[in-house]
Amino acid sequence: MRIATYNLRYDSQPDNISVRESVQALPNPLERPRFLGWSGEVPWSTRRLKVAQLLLHEEPNVIGFQEALVRQVHDLAELLGNGWAWVGVGRDDGDRAGEFCPIFYKKSELTLVHHESFWLSDNPFEPSKYPDAGSFRVCEVARFKTSSKTFTILNSHLDDRSDAQRRLAASMLLTRAHYEAYTTSNPVFITGDFNSASYGHDSGAYQIITGAIPPVPVNETFAEKYRVPPHAGKSAFVMVDLKAETPRMQVSGNYATFTGFNRPGDSSVYTRIDFVLGGSNGGWTVDGYKVGTSLTDDGILASDHRPVYTDVTI
């Protein structure tokens, strides 16, 4: 199956244009379009069609989105079609307010068997914000069943301002993923925008979740609820960067996952902060890894991030 992660860029230029109106306004495909030349951000009412076209072409089975406001979630559900369903909550109130980290999945191939949300803060079981974070941050957990296998995905978006929040978030994600691996004995994956590069001064969250440095203490109630016996497993549980597990000839696309709506090759945004990770308990192999394009042939950037597609066998 193909697992995707995609930060959409929130709807920063809201308007009242419906999906139907956007589709009806599409130009004649045989006419040469005006080339916009990477002109920066355009409204979501234009970008959403590009996002849907890119995803429908790449044919993922499950997608972890970030930064989706409720309008964007509903637009994607309409554009992707009735074959898709989704789970998730608004991070500000646990319902509709604020950005979502929704998990979309193909109903014909995956059956949802469990869903939960928790917040990446010191008060994880209700909408809450870490003290010096810029925003509320939520994680969605979805357990799926295929015709013969079960697996779990955690999807989240770590804070853009607070390194302390990112380190706490990574520790919480690792705790929850370890518990899932222990209790289900099945594969577990994490998708998301970490706002933390894989190396350098701001790589603490990535280093924690991949086992390079120890996690930080998390909320005691959370730690107790998702505690794993110390004797479980022969080695420490970590999350594995699936890009490193892919046959080299099957790694393709860009290195950087963040564009900032800048021109391709701009070194100021040459960073990798969006990841698909797999639990070290295994049960998976990686067949391909691709950082896709957000640039369409008329020069519109569909997002300030590039989608990441990972082909796995479980």
Protein backbone atom coordinates (compact mmCIF):
# COMPACT_ATOMS: atom_id res chain seq x y z
CA MET A 1 0.00 0.00 0.00
CA ARG A 2 1.00 3.63 -0.36
CA ILE A 3 1.13 5.86 2.73
CA ALA A 4 1.28 9.62 2.17
CA THR A 5 1.86 12.63 4.41
CA TYR A 6 1.02 16.13 3.21
CA ASN A 7 1.01 19.52 4.92
CA LEU A 8 -1.60 21.48 3.01
CA ARG A 9 -0.92 25.03 4.25
CA TYR A 10 -3.99 26.31 6.08
CA ASP A 11 -6.66 28.34 4.31
CA SER A 12 -5.05 31.74 4.87
CA GLN A 13 -7.07 33.50 2.14
CA PRO A 14 -10.63 32.31 2.75
CA ASP A 15 -13.36 33.04 0.22
CA ASN A 16 -16.86 31.79 -0.53
CA ILE A 17 -16.01 29.95 -3.73
CA SER A 18 -17.45 26.43 -3.74
CA VAL A 19 -15.69 23.35 -5.07
CA ARG A 20 -18.22 23.16 -7.89
CA GLU A 21 -17.47 26.76 -8.90
CA SER A 22 -13.73 26.07 -8.89
CA VAL A 23 -14.19 22.99 -11.07
CA GLN A 24 -16.49 24.86 -13.47
CA ALA A 25 -13.86 27.60 -13.81
CA LEU A 26 -11.16 25.23 -15.00
CA PRO A 27 -9.86 26.31 -18.42
CA ASN A 28 -10.07 24.38 -21.65
CA PRO A 29 -7.32 21.73 -21.27
CA LEU A 30 -6.31 22.14 -24.92
CA GLU A 31 -5.53 25.82 -24.50
CA ARG A 32 -2.12 26.91 -23.34
CA PRO A 33 -2.46 28.28 -19.79
CA ARG A 34 -0.77 31.42 -18.55
CA PHE A 35 2.42 30.31 -16.81
CA LEU A 36 2.45 31.85 -13.36
CA GLY A 37 6.10 31.12 -12.60
CA TRP A 38 6.05 30.17 -8.91
CA SER A 39 4.31 33.36 -7.92
CA GLY A 40 3.82 32.37 -4.29
CA GLU A 41 0.70 31.40 -2.41
CA VAL A 42 -2.67 31.47 -4.12
CA PRO A 43 -6.04 30.95 -2.40
CA TRP A 44 -7.06 27.51 -1.20
CA SER A 45 -10.00 27.62 -3.64
CA THR A 46 -7.40 27.33 -6.41
CA ARG A 47 -4.84 25.17 -4.62
CA ARG A 48 -7.36 22.51 -3.55
CA LEU A 49 -7.90 21.34 -7.12
CA LYS A 50 -4.16 20.94 -7.59
CA VAL A 51 -3.84 19.02 -4.30
CA ALA A 52 -6.61 16.62 -5.31
CA GLN A 53 -5.21 16.12 -8.81
CA LEU A 54 -1.74 15.33 -7.46
CA LEU A 55 -3.09 12.82 -4.93
CA LEU A 56 -5.51 11.11 -7.29
CA HIS A 57 -2.64 10.66 -9.75
CA GLU A 58 -0.32 9.14 -7.11
CA GLU A 59 -3.06 6.83 -5.73
CA PRO A 60 -2.19 6.57 -2.03
CA ASN A 61 -4.27 4.27 0.18
CA VAL A 62 -4.03 6.35 3.34
CA ILE A 63 -3.04 10.01 3.79
CA GLY A 64 -2.06 11.95 6.88
CA PHE A 65 -2.75 15.65 6.30
CA GLN A 66 -1.65 18.60 8.40
CA GLU A 67 -2.91 22.20 8.72
CA ALA A 68 -6.37 21.49 7.33
CA LEU A 69 -9.11 23.80 8.55
CA VAL A 70 -12.60 22.30 8.58
CA ARG A 71 -13.43 23.76 5.17
CA GLN A 72 -10.32 22.15 3.72
CA VAL A 73 -11.21 18.76 5.22
CA HIS A 74 -14.68 18.90 3.69
CA ASP A 75 -13.32 20.11 0.34
CA LEU A 76 -10.86 17.23 0.19
CA ALA A 77 -13.60 14.75 1.05
CA GLU A 78 -15.65 16.13 -1.84
CA LEU A 79 -12.76 16.18 -4.31
CA LEU A 80 -11.33 12.76 -3.48
CA GLY A 81 -14.79 11.25 -3.75
CA ASN A 82 -17.10 8.79 -2.04
CA GLY A 83 -14.46 6.09 -2.02
CA TRP A 84 -12.68 7.91 0.78
CA ALA A 85 -13.46 8.46 4.48
CA TRP A 86 -11.60 10.35 7.20
CA VAL A 87 -11.13 10.75 10.94
CA GLY A 88 -9.87 13.68 12.99
CA VAL A 89 -10.84 16.65 15.16
CA GLY A 90 -10.14 20.36 15.24
CA ARG A 91 -7.19 20.89 17.54
CA ASP A 92 -8.55 23.98 19.30
CA ASP A 93 -11.73 22.42 20.72
CA GLY A 94 -11.69 18.72 19.85
CA ASP A 95 -14.48 19.31 17.34
CA ARG A 96 -14.37 21.81 14.44
CA ALA A 97 -12.20 24.71 15.59
CA GLY A 98 -8.62 25.18 14.49
CA GLU A 99 -6.47 23.04 12.24
CA PHE A 100 -7.02 19.31 11.80
CA CYS A 101 -4.52 16.49 11.27
CA PRO A 102 -7.05 14.26 9.53
CA ILE A 103 -6.30 10.76 8.33
CA PHE A 104 -8.01 9.93 5.03
CA TYR A 105 -8.30 6.32 3.87
CA LYS A 106 -9.72 4.31 0.97
CA LYS A 107 -12.84 2.54 2.19
CA SER A 108 -12.55 -0.23 -0.39
CA GLU A 109 -9.18 -1.34 0.95
CA LEU A 110 -9.11 -0.32 4.62
CA THR A 111 -11.59 -0.73 7.47
CA LEU A 112 -11.31 1.60 10.45
CA VAL A 113 -11.35 -0.36 13.72
CA HIS A 114 -10.22 2.30 16.22
CA HIS A 115 -9.69 6.06 16.37
CA GLU A 116 -8.57 8.42 19.14
CA SER A 117 -7.11 11.90 19.53
CA PHE A 118 -4.69 13.29 22.09
CA TRP A 119 -2.92 16.61 22.53
CA LEU A 120 0.84 17.06 22.53
CA SER A 121 1.00 18.96 25.78
CA ASP A 122 1.16 18.45 29.55
CA ASN A 123 -2.64 17.92 29.51
CA PRO A 124 -3.01 15.43 26.68
CA PHE A 125 -6.59 14.20 27.08
CA GLU A 126 -8.34 17.51 26.37
CA PRO A 127 -7.69 20.41 23.98
CA SER A 128 -4.63 22.13 25.41
CA LYS A 129 -1.43 23.92 24.46
CA TYR A 130 2.12 23.49 25.67
CA PRO A 131 3.14 26.65 27.58
CA ASP A 132 5.60 28.15 25.07
CA ALA A 133 4.13 26.59 21.92
CA GLY A 134 2.72 28.73 19.17
CA SER A 135 -0.42 26.62 18.74
CA PHE A 136 -2.47 23.73 20.04
CA ARG A 137 -1.04 20.47 18.68
CA VAL A 138 -3.05 17.27 18.26
CA CYS A 139 -2.26 13.69 17.24
CA GLU A 140 -4.71 11.38 15.51
CA VAL A 141 -4.43 7.62 16.00
CA ALA A 142 -6.19 5.29 13.55
CA ARG A 143 -6.04 1.50 13.50
CA PHE A 144 -7.01 -0.14 10.23
CA LYS A 145 -7.66 -3.62 8.97
CA THR A 146 -7.00 -4.83 5.46
CA SER A 147 -8.33 -8.11 4.15
CA SER A 148 -5.66 -9.95 6.15
CA LYS A 149 -3.58 -7.48 8.20
CA THR A 150 -3.96 -4.83 10.89
CA PHE A 151 -1.80 -1.72 11.26
CA THR A 152 -1.91 1.65 13.01
CA ILE A 153 -1.04 5.18 11.89
CA LEU A 154 -0.35 8.18 14.12
CA ASN A 155 -0.53 11.51 12.30
CA SER A 156 0.52 14.84 13.78
CA HIS A 157 2.03 18.31 13.33
CA LEU A 158 4.65 19.48 15.83
CA ASP A 159 5.04 23.09 16.88
CA ASP A 160 6.83 25.63 14.71
CA ARG A 161 8.05 27.84 17.58
CA SER A 162 8.92 25.67 20.56
CA ASP A 163 11.74 23.13 20.47
CA ALA A 164 10.68 22.02 23.96
CA GLN A 165 7.19 21.21 22.65
CA ARG A 166 8.63 19.28 19.72
CA ARG A 167 10.79 17.19 22.06
CA LEU A 168 7.83 16.50 24.34
CA ALA A 169 5.65 15.68 21.33
CA ALA A 170 8.21 13.23 19.94
CA SER A 171 8.44 11.54 23.34
CA MET A 172 4.64 11.22 23.51
CA LEU A 173 4.39 9.88 19.97
CA LEU A 174 7.08 7.34 20.74
CA THR A 175 5.31 6.27 23.95
CA ARG A 176 1.96 5.85 22.18
CA ALA A 177 3.47 4.05 19.18
CA HIS A 178 5.39 1.66 21.46
CA TYR A 179 2.21 0.81 23.35
CA GLU A 180 0.38 0.20 20.07
CA ALA A 181 3.13 -2.10 18.82
CA TYR A 182 3.18 -3.98 22.12
CA THR A 183 -0.58 -4.44 22.49
CA THR A 184 -1.40 -5.26 18.85
CA SER A 185 1.84 -6.99 17.74
CA ASN A 186 1.22 -5.30 14.40
CA PRO A 187 2.98 -2.62 12.34
CA VAL A 188 2.74 0.99 13.46
CA PHE A 189 3.57 4.09 11.41
CA ILE A 190 3.91 7.79 12.17
CA THR A 191 3.29 10.47 9.55
CA GLY A 192 3.58 14.19 9.91
CA ASP A 193 5.29 17.54 9.79
CA PHE A 194 7.82 17.61 12.64
CA ASN A 195 9.04 21.18 12.11
CA SER A 196 12.28 19.47 13.11
CA ALA A 197 14.90 18.56 10.56
CA SER A 198 16.62 15.19 10.51
CA TYR A 199 19.90 16.78 11.57
CA GLY A 200 21.19 20.10 12.87
CA HIS A 201 20.37 22.39 15.78
CA ASP A 202 16.59 21.86 15.58
CA SER A 203 16.65 18.08 15.13
CA GLY A 204 15.83 17.16 18.74
CA ALA A 205 12.37 15.75 18.01
CA TYR A 206 13.67 13.63 15.13
CA GLN A 207 16.57 12.35 17.24
CA ILE A 208 14.25 11.41 20.10
CA ILE A 209 11.75 9.51 18.00
CA THR A 210 14.46 7.62 16.11
CA GLY A 211 16.33 6.71 19.32
CA ALA A 212 19.46 8.83 18.87
CA ILE A 213 18.82 10.66 22.16
CA PRO A 214 16.58 9.77 25.14
CA PRO A 215 12.97 10.98 25.34
CA VAL A 216 11.91 13.65 27.83
CA PRO A 217 9.41 13.00 30.67
CA VAL A 218 5.75 13.07 29.63
CA ASN A 219 2.49 13.54 31.54
CA GLU A 220 2.30 10.88 34.29
CA THR A 221 -1.28 9.84 33.46
CA PHE A 222 -0.38 9.50 29.79
CA ALA A 223 2.76 7.52 30.62
CA GLU A 224 0.81 5.19 32.90
CA LYS A 225 -2.03 4.64 30.43
CA TYR A 226 0.40 3.68 27.68
CA ARG A 227 3.02 1.97 29.79
CA VAL A 228 4.82 -1.04 28.33
CA PRO A 229 6.39 -3.59 30.71
CA PRO A 230 10.16 -3.04 30.89
CA HIS A 231 10.83 -6.65 29.88
CA ALA A 232 8.80 -6.33 26.65
CA GLY A 233 10.92 -6.77 23.58
CA LYS A 234 14.57 -7.65 23.21
CA SER A 235 15.65 -4.12 22.35
CA ALA A 236 14.44 -0.56 22.80
CA PHE A 237 11.51 0.45 20.61
CA VAL A 238 12.15 3.36 18.21
CA MET A 239 10.64 4.72 15.04
CA VAL A 240 12.62 4.09 11.87
CA ASP A 241 12.93 6.64 9.08
CA LEU A 242 11.51 4.66 6.16
CA LYS A 243 13.52 6.62 3.62
CA ALA A 244 16.65 4.89 4.94
CA GLU A 245 15.00 1.47 4.62
CA THR A 246 14.10 1.88 0.96
CA PRO A 247 16.24 0.32 -1.80
CA ARG A 248 18.38 3.22 -3.05
CA MET A 249 17.13 2.99 -6.62
CA GLN A 250 13.56 3.29 -5.35
CA VAL A 251 14.16 6.60 -3.51
CA SER A 252 13.08 9.41 -5.82
CA GLY A 253 11.92 12.99 -6.03
CA ASN A 254 13.15 15.96 -4.05
CA TYR A 255 15.22 15.93 -0.89
CA ALA A 256 13.56 18.94 0.71
CA THR A 257 9.93 18.61 1.78
CA PHE A 258 9.37 22.30 2.58
CA THR A 259 9.02 24.88 -0.20
CA GLY A 260 7.75 28.01 1.53
CA PHE A 261 6.10 28.79 -1.84
CA ASN A 262 9.61 29.66 -3.03
CA ARG A 263 11.33 28.76 -6.27
CA PRO A 264 12.72 25.22 -6.55
CA GLY A 265 16.32 25.08 -5.36
CA ASP A 266 16.03 28.03 -2.99
CA SER A 267 18.50 27.08 -0.25
CA SER A 268 16.58 29.02 2.41
CA VAL A 269 13.88 26.32 2.36
CA TYR A 270 16.12 23.36 1.55
CA THR A 271 15.05 21.27 4.51
CA ARG A 272 13.41 17.93 5.23
CA ILE A 273 10.82 18.12 8.01
CA ASP A 274 8.00 15.81 6.80
CA PHE A 275 8.40 12.12 7.56
CA VAL A 276 6.92 8.65 7.33
CA LEU A 277 8.31 6.46 10.11
CA GLY A 278 7.81 2.77 10.92
CA GLY A 279 8.00 1.05 14.28
CA SER A 280 11.10 -0.99 14.98
CA ASN A 281 8.87 -3.93 15.93
CA GLY A 282 8.71 -4.49 12.18
CA GLY A 283 6.05 -6.27 10.19
CA TRP A 284 6.75 -4.04 7.20
CA THR A 285 9.12 -3.72 4.27
CA VAL A 286 9.58 -0.56 2.19
CA ASP A 287 9.34 -0.82 -1.58
CA GLY A 288 9.55 2.84 -2.55
CA TYR A 289 9.92 6.37 -1.16
CA LYS A 290 9.12 9.50 -3.11
CA VAL A 291 9.02 13.17 -2.20
CA GLY A 292 6.51 14.37 -4.74
CA THR A 293 6.01 17.73 -6.36
CA SER A 294 3.62 20.48 -5.32
CA LEU A 295 4.34 22.39 -8.52
CA THR A 296 1.79 22.05 -11.32
CA ASP A 297 2.47 22.67 -14.98
CA ASP A 298 1.00 26.18 -14.87
CA GLY A 299 3.44 27.19 -12.15
CA ILE A 300 1.05 27.04 -9.18
CA LEU A 301 2.42 25.58 -5.96
CA ALA A 302 -0.33 23.48 -4.38
CA SER A 303 1.21 23.86 -0.91
CA ASP A 304 4.27 25.18 0.89
CA HIS A 305 5.22 21.53 1.50
CA ARG A 306 5.74 18.61 -0.83
CA PRO A 307 3.80 15.37 -0.32
CA VAL A 308 5.78 12.30 0.75
CA TYR A 309 4.69 8.89 -0.58
CA THR A 310 5.96 5.65 0.93
CA ASP A 311 5.19 2.23 -0.56
CA VAL A 312 5.13 -0.46 2.10
CA THR A 313 4.26 -4.14 2.29
CA ILE A 314 2.85 -5.44 5.56
